[in-house]
N, C-alpha and C. Protein backbone atom coordinates (compact mmCIF):
# COMPACT_ATOMS: atom_id res chain seq x y z
N MET A 1 51.10 49.71 83.87
CA MET A 1 51.67 50.22 82.62
C MET A 1 51.81 49.09 81.61
N ASP A 2 51.35 49.30 80.39
CA ASP A 2 51.55 48.33 79.31
C ASP A 2 52.92 48.58 78.68
N VAL A 3 53.77 47.57 78.76
CA VAL A 3 55.15 47.71 78.28
C VAL A 3 55.41 46.70 77.16
N LEU A 4 55.93 47.18 76.05
CA LEU A 4 56.44 46.32 74.98
C LEU A 4 57.89 45.98 75.32
N VAL A 5 58.20 44.70 75.40
CA VAL A 5 59.53 44.25 75.75
C VAL A 5 60.19 43.63 74.52
N ILE A 6 61.31 44.19 74.11
CA ILE A 6 62.03 43.72 72.93
C ILE A 6 63.34 43.09 73.38
N ASP A 7 63.46 41.80 73.18
CA ASP A 7 64.64 41.05 73.61
C ASP A 7 65.42 40.65 72.36
N VAL A 8 66.52 41.34 72.11
CA VAL A 8 67.29 41.14 70.88
C VAL A 8 68.44 40.18 71.13
N GLY A 9 68.43 39.06 70.45
CA GLY A 9 69.51 38.09 70.55
C GLY A 9 70.31 38.02 69.27
N GLY A 10 71.26 37.10 69.24
CA GLY A 10 72.14 36.99 68.08
C GLY A 10 71.47 36.38 66.86
N THR A 11 70.39 35.59 67.06
CA THR A 11 69.73 34.95 65.93
C THR A 11 68.28 35.40 65.75
N SER A 12 67.67 35.94 66.81
CA SER A 12 66.29 36.40 66.68
C SER A 12 66.01 37.53 67.66
N ALA A 13 65.00 38.32 67.35
CA ALA A 13 64.50 39.34 68.25
C ALA A 13 63.09 38.91 68.66
N LYS A 14 62.88 38.78 69.97
CA LYS A 14 61.59 38.35 70.49
C LYS A 14 60.83 39.55 71.04
N LEU A 15 59.54 39.61 70.73
CA LEU A 15 58.69 40.72 71.12
C LEU A 15 57.65 40.21 72.12
N TRP A 16 57.65 40.82 73.29
CA TRP A 16 56.75 40.42 74.36
C TRP A 16 55.93 41.64 74.80
N HIS A 17 54.88 41.39 75.55
CA HIS A 17 54.03 42.46 76.05
C HIS A 17 53.56 42.08 77.45
N THR A 18 53.54 43.05 78.34
CA THR A 18 53.18 42.75 79.73
C THR A 18 51.71 42.37 79.89
N SER A 19 50.89 42.60 78.85
CA SER A 19 49.47 42.25 78.94
C SER A 19 49.07 41.13 77.98
N HIS A 20 50.05 40.49 77.34
CA HIS A 20 49.76 39.39 76.42
C HIS A 20 50.58 38.16 76.81
N GLU A 21 50.00 36.98 76.64
CA GLU A 21 50.72 35.74 76.92
C GLU A 21 51.64 35.36 75.75
N GLU A 22 51.18 35.63 74.55
CA GLU A 22 51.95 35.23 73.37
C GLU A 22 53.18 36.11 73.18
N HIS A 23 54.12 35.62 72.39
CA HIS A 23 55.21 36.48 71.94
C HIS A 23 55.39 36.25 70.44
N ARG A 24 56.02 37.22 69.81
CA ARG A 24 56.29 37.14 68.39
C ARG A 24 57.78 37.38 68.18
N LYS A 25 58.29 37.00 67.02
CA LYS A 25 59.73 37.17 66.80
C LYS A 25 60.03 37.30 65.32
N PHE A 26 61.26 37.75 65.06
CA PHE A 26 61.76 37.82 63.70
C PHE A 26 63.28 37.61 63.74
N PRO A 27 63.90 37.22 62.63
CA PRO A 27 65.35 36.94 62.63
C PRO A 27 66.16 38.21 62.90
N SER A 28 67.28 38.03 63.57
CA SER A 28 68.21 39.15 63.77
C SER A 28 69.46 38.90 62.93
N GLY A 29 70.63 38.81 63.56
CA GLY A 29 71.84 38.54 62.80
C GLY A 29 72.48 39.79 62.23
N LYS A 30 73.46 39.60 61.39
CA LYS A 30 74.28 40.69 60.87
C LYS A 30 73.52 41.70 60.01
N GLN A 31 72.34 41.32 59.53
CA GLN A 31 71.56 42.25 58.70
C GLN A 31 70.70 43.18 59.54
N LEU A 32 70.64 42.94 60.85
CA LEU A 32 69.74 43.74 61.68
C LEU A 32 70.42 45.02 62.17
N THR A 33 69.93 46.15 61.69
CA THR A 33 70.35 47.47 62.15
C THR A 33 69.25 48.02 63.06
N PRO A 34 69.52 49.08 63.82
CA PRO A 34 68.45 49.65 64.65
C PRO A 34 67.25 50.13 63.83
N GLU A 35 67.49 50.68 62.66
CA GLU A 35 66.39 51.09 61.79
C GLU A 35 65.51 49.90 61.40
N LYS A 36 66.18 48.79 61.07
CA LYS A 36 65.45 47.58 60.70
C LYS A 36 64.69 47.02 61.89
N LEU A 37 65.28 47.11 63.08
CA LEU A 37 64.59 46.65 64.28
C LEU A 37 63.28 47.41 64.49
N VAL A 38 63.34 48.72 64.36
CA VAL A 38 62.14 49.55 64.53
C VAL A 38 61.10 49.18 63.47
N GLU A 39 61.53 49.06 62.23
CA GLU A 39 60.62 48.75 61.13
C GLU A 39 59.94 47.39 61.33
N GLU A 40 60.74 46.38 61.64
CA GLU A 40 60.19 45.03 61.83
C GLU A 40 59.25 44.98 63.03
N THR A 41 59.64 45.64 64.12
CA THR A 41 58.81 45.62 65.32
C THR A 41 57.46 46.27 65.05
N ARG A 42 57.48 47.43 64.43
CA ARG A 42 56.22 48.13 64.14
C ARG A 42 55.30 47.26 63.28
N GLU A 43 55.86 46.56 62.32
CA GLU A 43 55.05 45.74 61.41
C GLU A 43 54.47 44.52 62.13
N ILE A 44 55.29 43.85 62.95
CA ILE A 44 54.88 42.58 63.53
C ILE A 44 53.89 42.77 64.68
N VAL A 45 54.02 43.87 65.44
CA VAL A 45 53.10 44.08 66.57
C VAL A 45 52.22 45.31 66.32
N HIS A 46 51.81 45.49 65.09
CA HIS A 46 51.00 46.66 64.73
C HIS A 46 49.66 46.68 65.46
N ASP A 47 49.19 45.51 65.91
CA ASP A 47 47.90 45.42 66.59
C ASP A 47 48.02 45.50 68.10
N TRP A 48 49.23 45.70 68.63
CA TRP A 48 49.43 45.85 70.07
C TRP A 48 49.50 47.34 70.43
N GLN A 49 49.12 47.65 71.66
CA GLN A 49 49.23 49.00 72.18
C GLN A 49 50.14 48.99 73.41
N TRP A 50 50.96 50.01 73.56
CA TRP A 50 51.85 50.08 74.71
C TRP A 50 52.12 51.53 75.09
N GLU A 51 52.54 51.70 76.33
CA GLU A 51 52.86 53.03 76.85
C GLU A 51 54.36 53.28 76.89
N ALA A 52 55.15 52.22 76.89
CA ALA A 52 56.60 52.36 76.99
C ALA A 52 57.25 51.09 76.44
N ILE A 53 58.54 51.19 76.17
CA ILE A 53 59.31 50.06 75.63
C ILE A 53 60.50 49.77 76.53
N ALA A 54 60.71 48.48 76.82
CA ALA A 54 61.93 48.01 77.48
C ALA A 54 62.72 47.23 76.43
N LEU A 55 63.93 47.67 76.15
CA LEU A 55 64.73 47.10 75.07
C LEU A 55 65.99 46.46 75.64
N GLY A 56 66.16 45.16 75.38
CA GLY A 56 67.36 44.44 75.80
C GLY A 56 68.26 44.21 74.61
N LEU A 57 69.51 44.69 74.69
CA LEU A 57 70.47 44.58 73.59
C LEU A 57 71.67 43.74 74.01
N PRO A 58 72.20 42.90 73.10
CA PRO A 58 73.33 42.02 73.43
C PRO A 58 74.67 42.73 73.30
N CYS A 59 74.85 43.76 74.12
CA CYS A 59 76.10 44.53 74.10
C CYS A 59 76.21 45.29 75.41
N ARG A 60 77.31 45.98 75.58
CA ARG A 60 77.49 46.79 76.78
C ARG A 60 76.57 48.01 76.72
N VAL A 61 75.82 48.22 77.81
CA VAL A 61 74.92 49.36 77.93
C VAL A 61 75.33 50.15 79.16
N SER A 62 75.52 51.45 79.00
CA SER A 62 75.92 52.31 80.11
C SER A 62 74.98 53.51 80.17
N SER A 63 74.48 53.79 81.38
CA SER A 63 73.54 54.91 81.57
C SER A 63 72.37 54.84 80.62
N GLY A 64 71.90 53.62 80.38
CA GLY A 64 70.72 53.43 79.54
C GLY A 64 70.94 53.56 78.06
N ARG A 65 72.21 53.52 77.62
CA ARG A 65 72.51 53.66 76.19
C ARG A 65 73.57 52.64 75.77
N PRO A 66 73.43 52.05 74.57
CA PRO A 66 74.48 51.15 74.09
C PRO A 66 75.76 51.93 73.80
N VAL A 67 76.89 51.40 74.24
CA VAL A 67 78.17 52.09 74.03
C VAL A 67 79.07 51.33 73.06
N GLU A 68 78.53 50.26 72.46
CA GLU A 68 79.24 49.52 71.43
C GLU A 68 78.20 48.81 70.57
N ASP A 69 78.56 48.53 69.33
CA ASP A 69 77.66 47.76 68.47
C ASP A 69 77.70 46.28 68.88
N PRO A 70 76.54 45.62 68.98
CA PRO A 70 76.53 44.19 69.29
C PRO A 70 77.33 43.40 68.26
N GLN A 71 78.10 42.43 68.73
CA GLN A 71 78.99 41.66 67.86
C GLN A 71 78.24 40.91 66.76
N ASN A 72 77.05 40.39 67.07
CA ASN A 72 76.34 39.54 66.13
C ASN A 72 75.26 40.25 65.34
N LEU A 73 75.22 41.59 65.46
CA LEU A 73 74.21 42.36 64.73
C LEU A 73 74.88 43.32 63.76
N GLY A 74 74.06 44.06 63.01
CA GLY A 74 74.58 45.06 62.10
C GLY A 74 75.06 46.30 62.84
N PRO A 75 75.53 47.32 62.12
CA PRO A 75 76.09 48.52 62.74
C PRO A 75 75.02 49.58 63.06
N GLY A 76 75.44 50.62 63.79
CA GLY A 76 74.63 51.80 63.97
C GLY A 76 73.89 51.93 65.28
N TRP A 77 74.19 51.09 66.27
CA TRP A 77 73.42 51.08 67.51
C TRP A 77 73.84 52.21 68.47
N VAL A 78 75.11 52.56 68.45
CA VAL A 78 75.60 53.60 69.35
C VAL A 78 75.07 54.96 68.86
N GLY A 79 74.41 55.67 69.75
CA GLY A 79 73.90 56.99 69.42
C GLY A 79 72.54 57.00 68.73
N PHE A 80 71.98 55.83 68.44
CA PHE A 80 70.67 55.79 67.78
C PHE A 80 69.59 56.24 68.76
N ASN A 81 68.68 57.09 68.32
CA ASN A 81 67.62 57.62 69.17
C ASN A 81 66.38 56.73 69.06
N PHE A 82 66.29 55.74 69.93
CA PHE A 82 65.18 54.79 69.88
C PHE A 82 63.85 55.45 70.24
N ALA A 83 63.87 56.36 71.22
CA ALA A 83 62.63 57.02 71.63
C ALA A 83 62.02 57.80 70.47
N SER A 84 62.87 58.50 69.72
CA SER A 84 62.39 59.25 68.58
C SER A 84 61.88 58.33 67.48
N ALA A 85 62.62 57.24 67.23
CA ALA A 85 62.25 56.32 66.16
C ALA A 85 60.93 55.60 66.46
N PHE A 86 60.73 55.21 67.72
CA PHE A 86 59.49 54.52 68.09
C PHE A 86 58.36 55.49 68.43
N GLY A 87 58.70 56.74 68.70
CA GLY A 87 57.69 57.70 69.07
C GLY A 87 57.14 57.48 70.46
N THR A 88 57.93 56.88 71.34
CA THR A 88 57.50 56.64 72.72
C THR A 88 58.73 56.51 73.60
N GLN A 89 58.54 56.50 74.91
CA GLN A 89 59.65 56.41 75.84
C GLN A 89 60.25 55.00 75.84
N VAL A 90 61.59 54.94 75.85
CA VAL A 90 62.32 53.67 75.76
C VAL A 90 63.38 53.62 76.84
N ARG A 91 63.46 52.51 77.56
CA ARG A 91 64.55 52.26 78.49
C ARG A 91 65.32 51.04 78.01
N ILE A 92 66.66 51.10 78.11
CA ILE A 92 67.52 50.08 77.52
C ILE A 92 68.40 49.46 78.60
N LEU A 93 68.50 48.13 78.58
CA LEU A 93 69.45 47.38 79.40
C LEU A 93 70.15 46.37 78.51
N ASN A 94 71.29 45.89 78.97
CA ASN A 94 71.88 44.70 78.36
C ASN A 94 70.84 43.58 78.40
N ASP A 95 70.78 42.76 77.36
CA ASP A 95 69.74 41.73 77.28
C ASP A 95 69.81 40.73 78.43
N ALA A 96 71.02 40.33 78.81
CA ALA A 96 71.16 39.39 79.93
C ALA A 96 70.73 40.05 81.24
N ALA A 97 71.03 41.34 81.40
CA ALA A 97 70.62 42.05 82.61
C ALA A 97 69.10 42.14 82.70
N LEU A 98 68.44 42.32 81.56
CA LEU A 98 66.98 42.39 81.55
C LEU A 98 66.37 41.05 81.93
N GLN A 99 66.92 39.96 81.40
CA GLN A 99 66.48 38.62 81.78
C GLN A 99 66.75 38.37 83.27
N ALA A 100 67.93 38.79 83.72
CA ALA A 100 68.31 38.58 85.11
C ALA A 100 67.37 39.32 86.05
N LEU A 101 67.03 40.54 85.70
CA LEU A 101 66.13 41.34 86.52
C LEU A 101 64.79 40.64 86.71
N GLY A 102 64.29 40.02 85.66
CA GLY A 102 63.02 39.31 85.75
C GLY A 102 63.11 37.99 86.49
N SER A 103 64.33 37.48 86.68
CA SER A 103 64.54 36.19 87.35
C SER A 103 64.95 36.34 88.80
N TYR A 104 65.20 37.56 89.23
CA TYR A 104 65.83 37.81 90.53
C TYR A 104 64.89 37.52 91.70
N ASP A 105 65.41 36.73 92.67
CA ASP A 105 64.64 36.36 93.86
C ASP A 105 65.31 36.84 95.15
N GLY A 106 66.22 37.77 95.05
CA GLY A 106 66.92 38.24 96.23
C GLY A 106 68.31 37.63 96.35
N GLY A 107 69.10 38.15 97.30
CA GLY A 107 70.45 37.63 97.50
C GLY A 107 71.38 38.06 96.38
N ARG A 108 72.44 37.27 96.22
CA ARG A 108 73.45 37.54 95.19
C ARG A 108 73.25 36.53 94.06
N MET A 109 72.75 37.00 92.94
CA MET A 109 72.39 36.11 91.84
C MET A 109 73.27 36.35 90.61
N LEU A 110 73.77 35.26 90.05
CA LEU A 110 74.48 35.28 88.77
C LEU A 110 73.56 34.72 87.71
N PHE A 111 73.38 35.46 86.62
CA PHE A 111 72.60 34.98 85.49
C PHE A 111 73.53 34.67 84.34
N LEU A 112 73.37 33.50 83.73
CA LEU A 112 74.11 33.12 82.53
C LEU A 112 73.11 32.70 81.46
N GLY A 113 73.18 33.33 80.31
CA GLY A 113 72.30 32.99 79.20
C GLY A 113 73.06 32.19 78.16
N LEU A 114 72.68 30.93 77.98
CA LEU A 114 73.37 30.04 77.05
C LEU A 114 72.63 30.04 75.72
N GLY A 115 73.26 30.64 74.72
CA GLY A 115 72.63 30.73 73.40
C GLY A 115 73.67 30.89 72.33
N THR A 116 73.49 31.85 71.43
CA THR A 116 74.50 32.12 70.41
C THR A 116 75.86 32.35 71.04
N ALA A 117 75.87 33.11 72.13
CA ALA A 117 77.06 33.32 72.94
C ALA A 117 76.66 33.02 74.39
N VAL A 118 77.37 33.60 75.34
CA VAL A 118 77.01 33.45 76.75
C VAL A 118 76.78 34.84 77.33
N GLY A 119 75.52 35.18 77.54
CA GLY A 119 75.19 36.44 78.19
C GLY A 119 75.35 36.29 79.69
N SER A 120 75.61 37.38 80.39
CA SER A 120 75.82 37.28 81.82
C SER A 120 75.50 38.58 82.53
N ALA A 121 75.00 38.46 83.74
CA ALA A 121 74.70 39.62 84.57
C ALA A 121 74.70 39.18 86.03
N TYR A 122 74.88 40.15 86.90
CA TYR A 122 74.96 39.90 88.34
C TYR A 122 74.04 40.88 89.04
N ILE A 123 73.19 40.38 89.92
CA ILE A 123 72.28 41.25 90.66
C ILE A 123 72.39 40.95 92.15
N THR A 124 72.53 41.99 92.93
CA THR A 124 72.41 41.90 94.38
C THR A 124 71.60 43.10 94.82
N ASP A 125 71.47 43.30 96.09
CA ASP A 125 70.58 44.33 96.61
C ASP A 125 70.85 45.70 95.99
N HIS A 126 69.92 46.16 95.14
CA HIS A 126 69.98 47.48 94.52
C HIS A 126 71.17 47.67 93.59
N LEU A 127 71.68 46.57 93.04
CA LEU A 127 72.76 46.63 92.06
C LEU A 127 72.45 45.71 90.90
N ILE A 128 72.48 46.23 89.69
CA ILE A 128 72.39 45.42 88.47
C ILE A 128 73.66 45.65 87.68
N LEU A 129 74.43 44.60 87.51
CA LEU A 129 75.73 44.72 86.86
C LEU A 129 75.78 43.83 85.62
N GLY A 130 75.82 44.45 84.44
CA GLY A 130 76.00 43.69 83.22
C GLY A 130 77.44 43.19 83.12
N LEU A 131 77.60 41.94 82.74
CA LEU A 131 78.92 41.33 82.65
C LEU A 131 79.17 40.84 81.22
N ASP A 132 80.41 40.46 80.96
CA ASP A 132 80.75 39.81 79.69
C ASP A 132 81.66 38.63 79.98
N ILE A 133 81.15 37.73 80.81
CA ILE A 133 81.91 36.56 81.22
C ILE A 133 82.28 35.69 80.03
N GLY A 134 81.49 35.76 78.97
CA GLY A 134 81.77 34.95 77.79
C GLY A 134 83.12 35.21 77.17
N ARG A 135 83.74 36.36 77.46
CA ARG A 135 85.06 36.67 76.90
C ARG A 135 86.21 36.03 77.68
N LEU A 136 85.90 35.44 78.83
CA LEU A 136 86.97 34.84 79.63
C LEU A 136 87.63 33.70 78.87
N PRO A 137 88.96 33.66 78.86
CA PRO A 137 89.65 32.55 78.20
C PRO A 137 89.50 31.27 79.00
N LEU A 138 89.31 30.17 78.31
CA LEU A 138 89.20 28.86 78.94
C LEU A 138 89.92 27.87 78.04
N GLY A 139 91.13 27.50 78.43
CA GLY A 139 91.95 26.67 77.56
C GLY A 139 92.36 27.45 76.32
N ASP A 140 92.11 26.88 75.14
CA ASP A 140 92.47 27.52 73.88
C ASP A 140 91.34 28.37 73.30
N SER A 141 90.23 28.50 74.02
CA SER A 141 89.10 29.26 73.49
C SER A 141 88.53 30.17 74.58
N ARG A 142 87.45 30.84 74.24
CA ARG A 142 86.74 31.67 75.21
C ARG A 142 85.52 30.92 75.72
N LEU A 143 85.01 31.38 76.84
CA LEU A 143 83.87 30.70 77.45
C LEU A 143 82.67 30.65 76.50
N SER A 144 82.42 31.76 75.77
CA SER A 144 81.30 31.78 74.83
C SER A 144 81.47 30.76 73.72
N GLU A 145 82.71 30.56 73.29
CA GLU A 145 82.98 29.59 72.23
C GLU A 145 82.82 28.16 72.72
N LEU A 146 82.91 27.97 74.04
CA LEU A 146 82.78 26.64 74.62
C LEU A 146 81.33 26.32 74.98
N LEU A 147 80.66 27.28 75.65
CA LEU A 147 79.31 27.02 76.15
C LEU A 147 78.22 27.55 75.23
N GLY A 148 78.58 28.34 74.22
CA GLY A 148 77.59 28.85 73.27
C GLY A 148 77.25 27.81 72.22
N ASP A 149 76.50 28.23 71.21
CA ASP A 149 76.03 27.30 70.17
C ASP A 149 77.16 26.62 69.43
N LYS A 150 78.24 27.38 69.14
CA LYS A 150 79.36 26.78 68.42
C LYS A 150 80.03 25.70 69.25
N GLY A 151 80.12 25.93 70.55
CA GLY A 151 80.70 24.93 71.43
C GLY A 151 79.87 23.67 71.48
N TYR A 152 78.55 23.83 71.48
CA TYR A 152 77.67 22.66 71.49
C TYR A 152 77.86 21.84 70.21
N GLU A 153 77.94 22.52 69.08
CA GLU A 153 78.12 21.82 67.81
C GLU A 153 79.47 21.11 67.77
N LYS A 154 80.50 21.73 68.34
CA LYS A 154 81.84 21.15 68.30
C LYS A 154 82.00 19.99 69.28
N LEU A 155 81.47 20.16 70.50
CA LEU A 155 81.68 19.17 71.55
C LEU A 155 80.69 18.02 71.52
N GLY A 156 79.48 18.29 71.04
CA GLY A 156 78.42 17.31 71.17
C GLY A 156 77.76 17.44 72.53
N ASN A 157 76.59 16.82 72.66
CA ASN A 157 75.76 17.03 73.85
C ASN A 157 76.45 16.63 75.15
N LYS A 158 77.04 15.45 75.21
CA LYS A 158 77.59 14.94 76.45
C LYS A 158 78.76 15.79 76.96
N LYS A 159 79.70 16.10 76.09
CA LYS A 159 80.86 16.89 76.50
C LYS A 159 80.47 18.34 76.79
N TRP A 160 79.50 18.84 76.04
CA TRP A 160 79.04 20.21 76.30
C TRP A 160 78.40 20.31 77.69
N GLN A 161 77.58 19.33 78.03
CA GLN A 161 76.97 19.34 79.36
C GLN A 161 78.04 19.25 80.45
N ALA A 162 79.07 18.44 80.22
CA ALA A 162 80.16 18.33 81.19
C ALA A 162 80.88 19.67 81.35
N ALA A 163 81.05 20.38 80.23
CA ALA A 163 81.70 21.69 80.30
C ALA A 163 80.87 22.68 81.11
N VAL A 164 79.55 22.65 80.94
CA VAL A 164 78.66 23.52 81.72
C VAL A 164 78.79 23.20 83.20
N HIS A 165 78.83 21.92 83.54
CA HIS A 165 78.93 21.50 84.94
C HIS A 165 80.29 21.83 85.55
N ASP A 166 81.30 21.96 84.71
CA ASP A 166 82.62 22.39 85.20
C ASP A 166 82.69 23.90 85.39
N ALA A 167 82.16 24.64 84.41
CA ALA A 167 82.35 26.09 84.38
C ALA A 167 81.43 26.84 85.34
N VAL A 168 80.16 26.46 85.39
CA VAL A 168 79.18 27.24 86.14
C VAL A 168 79.49 27.29 87.63
N PRO A 169 79.79 26.17 88.30
CA PRO A 169 80.13 26.26 89.73
C PRO A 169 81.38 27.09 89.99
N ALA A 170 82.36 27.01 89.08
CA ALA A 170 83.59 27.79 89.26
C ALA A 170 83.31 29.28 89.18
N ILE A 171 82.47 29.68 88.22
CA ILE A 171 82.13 31.10 88.08
C ILE A 171 81.31 31.56 89.28
N ARG A 172 80.37 30.74 89.72
CA ARG A 172 79.56 31.10 90.89
C ARG A 172 80.44 31.32 92.11
N ALA A 173 81.40 30.42 92.31
CA ALA A 173 82.29 30.55 93.46
C ALA A 173 83.16 31.80 93.36
N ALA A 174 83.66 32.07 92.15
CA ALA A 174 84.53 33.24 91.96
C ALA A 174 83.80 34.54 92.24
N LEU A 175 82.52 34.61 91.91
CA LEU A 175 81.73 35.82 92.11
C LEU A 175 80.96 35.81 93.43
N MET A 176 81.14 34.74 94.21
CA MET A 176 80.48 34.60 95.51
C MET A 176 78.97 34.76 95.39
N ALA A 177 78.39 34.20 94.33
CA ALA A 177 76.95 34.27 94.13
C ALA A 177 76.25 33.22 94.98
N ASP A 178 75.06 33.57 95.49
CA ASP A 178 74.28 32.60 96.26
C ASP A 178 73.69 31.53 95.36
N TYR A 179 73.33 31.92 94.15
CA TYR A 179 72.72 30.98 93.23
C TYR A 179 72.91 31.48 91.80
N VAL A 180 72.67 30.56 90.86
CA VAL A 180 72.81 30.86 89.43
C VAL A 180 71.49 30.58 88.75
N VAL A 181 71.09 31.46 87.85
CA VAL A 181 69.97 31.19 86.96
C VAL A 181 70.53 31.00 85.56
N LEU A 182 70.24 29.86 84.97
CA LEU A 182 70.67 29.57 83.60
C LEU A 182 69.50 29.79 82.65
N GLY A 183 69.65 30.75 81.74
CA GLY A 183 68.64 31.02 80.74
C GLY A 183 69.17 30.78 79.36
N GLY A 184 68.44 31.28 78.36
CA GLY A 184 68.88 31.10 76.98
C GLY A 184 68.31 29.83 76.37
N GLY A 185 68.36 29.77 75.06
CA GLY A 185 67.76 28.66 74.34
C GLY A 185 68.40 27.30 74.58
N SER A 186 69.68 27.29 75.00
CA SER A 186 70.38 26.01 75.16
C SER A 186 70.18 25.35 76.52
N VAL A 187 69.54 26.06 77.45
CA VAL A 187 69.39 25.48 78.79
C VAL A 187 68.54 24.21 78.75
N LYS A 188 67.64 24.11 77.77
CA LYS A 188 66.80 22.92 77.66
C LYS A 188 67.60 21.68 77.27
N LYS A 189 68.84 21.87 76.82
CA LYS A 189 69.68 20.73 76.45
C LYS A 189 70.34 20.07 77.65
N LEU A 190 70.22 20.69 78.82
CA LEU A 190 70.84 20.15 80.03
C LEU A 190 69.91 19.14 80.69
N ASP A 191 70.40 17.94 80.91
CA ASP A 191 69.61 16.92 81.60
C ASP A 191 69.51 17.23 83.10
N GLU A 192 70.61 17.69 83.68
CA GLU A 192 70.65 18.05 85.08
C GLU A 192 71.36 19.39 85.22
N LEU A 193 71.12 20.06 86.33
CA LEU A 193 71.74 21.36 86.58
C LEU A 193 72.79 21.26 87.66
N PRO A 194 73.81 22.11 87.60
CA PRO A 194 74.78 22.16 88.70
C PRO A 194 74.09 22.55 90.01
N ASP A 195 74.76 22.31 91.13
CA ASP A 195 74.23 22.70 92.42
C ASP A 195 74.00 24.21 92.48
N SER A 196 73.00 24.61 93.27
CA SER A 196 72.67 26.02 93.49
C SER A 196 72.34 26.73 92.17
N THR A 197 71.74 25.99 91.25
CA THR A 197 71.40 26.53 89.93
C THR A 197 69.95 26.17 89.60
N ARG A 198 69.24 27.09 88.99
CA ARG A 198 67.90 26.79 88.50
C ARG A 198 67.74 27.29 87.07
N ARG A 199 66.77 26.74 86.39
CA ARG A 199 66.50 27.13 85.01
C ARG A 199 65.74 28.46 84.96
N GLY A 200 66.14 29.30 84.04
CA GLY A 200 65.37 30.49 83.77
C GLY A 200 64.34 30.21 82.70
N HIS A 201 63.55 31.21 82.38
CA HIS A 201 62.54 31.07 81.33
C HIS A 201 62.57 32.33 80.49
N ASN A 202 62.39 32.16 79.19
CA ASN A 202 62.43 33.32 78.29
C ASN A 202 61.45 34.41 78.71
N ARG A 203 60.32 33.99 79.29
CA ARG A 203 59.30 34.98 79.66
C ARG A 203 59.73 35.83 80.85
N ALA A 204 60.81 35.45 81.53
CA ALA A 204 61.31 36.28 82.62
C ALA A 204 61.65 37.68 82.14
N VAL A 205 61.96 37.81 80.86
CA VAL A 205 62.30 39.12 80.31
C VAL A 205 61.11 40.07 80.39
N VAL A 206 59.89 39.52 80.36
CA VAL A 206 58.69 40.36 80.48
C VAL A 206 58.64 40.98 81.88
N GLU A 207 58.89 40.15 82.90
CA GLU A 207 58.93 40.67 84.26
C GLU A 207 60.07 41.67 84.42
N GLY A 208 61.19 41.40 83.74
CA GLY A 208 62.29 42.36 83.77
C GLY A 208 61.89 43.70 83.17
N GLY A 209 61.16 43.66 82.06
CA GLY A 209 60.70 44.90 81.43
C GLY A 209 59.72 45.65 82.31
N ARG A 210 58.83 44.91 82.98
CA ARG A 210 57.89 45.55 83.89
C ARG A 210 58.62 46.22 85.05
N LYS A 211 59.56 45.50 85.66
CA LYS A 211 60.32 46.06 86.78
C LYS A 211 61.12 47.28 86.35
N LEU A 212 61.68 47.22 85.14
CA LEU A 212 62.50 48.33 84.65
C LEU A 212 61.70 49.62 84.62
N TRP A 213 60.41 49.51 84.32
CA TRP A 213 59.57 50.71 84.24
C TRP A 213 58.83 51.02 85.52
N GLU A 214 58.42 50.00 86.27
CA GLU A 214 57.55 50.25 87.41
C GLU A 214 58.28 50.28 88.75
N GLU A 215 59.49 49.69 88.84
CA GLU A 215 60.15 49.58 90.13
C GLU A 215 61.53 50.23 90.17
N LEU A 216 62.14 50.46 89.03
CA LEU A 216 63.50 50.98 88.98
C LEU A 216 63.52 52.41 88.48
N PRO A 217 64.56 53.17 88.86
CA PRO A 217 64.72 54.50 88.29
C PRO A 217 65.17 54.41 86.83
N ASP A 218 65.11 55.51 86.13
CA ASP A 218 65.59 55.57 84.75
C ASP A 218 67.09 55.28 84.74
N PRO A 219 67.55 54.26 83.99
CA PRO A 219 68.99 53.96 83.95
C PRO A 219 69.84 55.13 83.46
N ALA A 220 69.23 56.05 82.72
CA ALA A 220 69.98 57.20 82.20
C ALA A 220 70.22 58.27 83.26
N GLU A 221 69.57 58.14 84.41
CA GLU A 221 69.71 59.14 85.47
C GLU A 221 70.35 58.52 86.71
N LYS A 222 71.11 59.30 87.45
CA LYS A 222 71.74 58.83 88.67
C LYS A 222 70.67 58.62 89.75
N SER A 223 70.85 57.56 90.53
CA SER A 223 69.90 57.26 91.59
C SER A 223 70.64 56.97 92.88
N GLU A 224 70.05 57.38 94.00
CA GLU A 224 70.66 57.10 95.30
C GLU A 224 70.26 55.72 95.80
N SER A 225 69.27 55.10 95.17
CA SER A 225 68.78 53.80 95.67
C SER A 225 69.23 52.62 94.82
N TRP A 226 69.48 52.83 93.51
CA TRP A 226 69.87 51.74 92.61
C TRP A 226 71.13 52.12 91.85
N VAL A 227 71.97 51.12 91.62
CA VAL A 227 73.11 51.27 90.73
C VAL A 227 72.91 50.31 89.57
N ILE A 228 72.85 50.84 88.37
CA ILE A 228 72.62 50.02 87.17
C ILE A 228 73.80 50.24 86.24
N LEU A 229 74.60 49.20 86.07
CA LEU A 229 75.84 49.33 85.29
C LEU A 229 75.85 48.32 84.14
């Protein structure tokens, strides 16, 4: 199946395809509404063909639908009919969960995406759980404010890396994860990784989109084999 994978972040939306090596992107941010997402996507990948779309959104997704507007995007995401707007079948996951799905190697895995904020998801056998660990308080701020882009700008490289090395093992231990995958644009700023941690890659979202369509049940329907939350 040829799948168009749309990975929407706080600063950009990246467009991938399961049959293409390249990816394309456009700015996101507070001006991006779902209507604008559809318009921009159609224009930028007008020469691509696909049978289905896997859409990753930076917000809580339940039963395959966004249940809140993403904090760093414009309004109107809840209740928007993406399948009708794109004219094709669409499956939706939290963006971190989609990245995590493509990075999963078995066992109990915690995914943390270091970027505008801190995306997070947890996967174990037949369970995909979207998280919002970035909201956890840490001192006088939240984890996203410490490990996200604003935290990097405030702390500087050395202190930010130290904060990552303090926080990640603690979160892994608290969730009893076997290993951690660190993704997102800021992971390249780390000179070394904490124990039991490996680097993710942005292209993992393509594998996540493929799995979402070829290996998993529809998130909007109940399944006896998978739980997608």
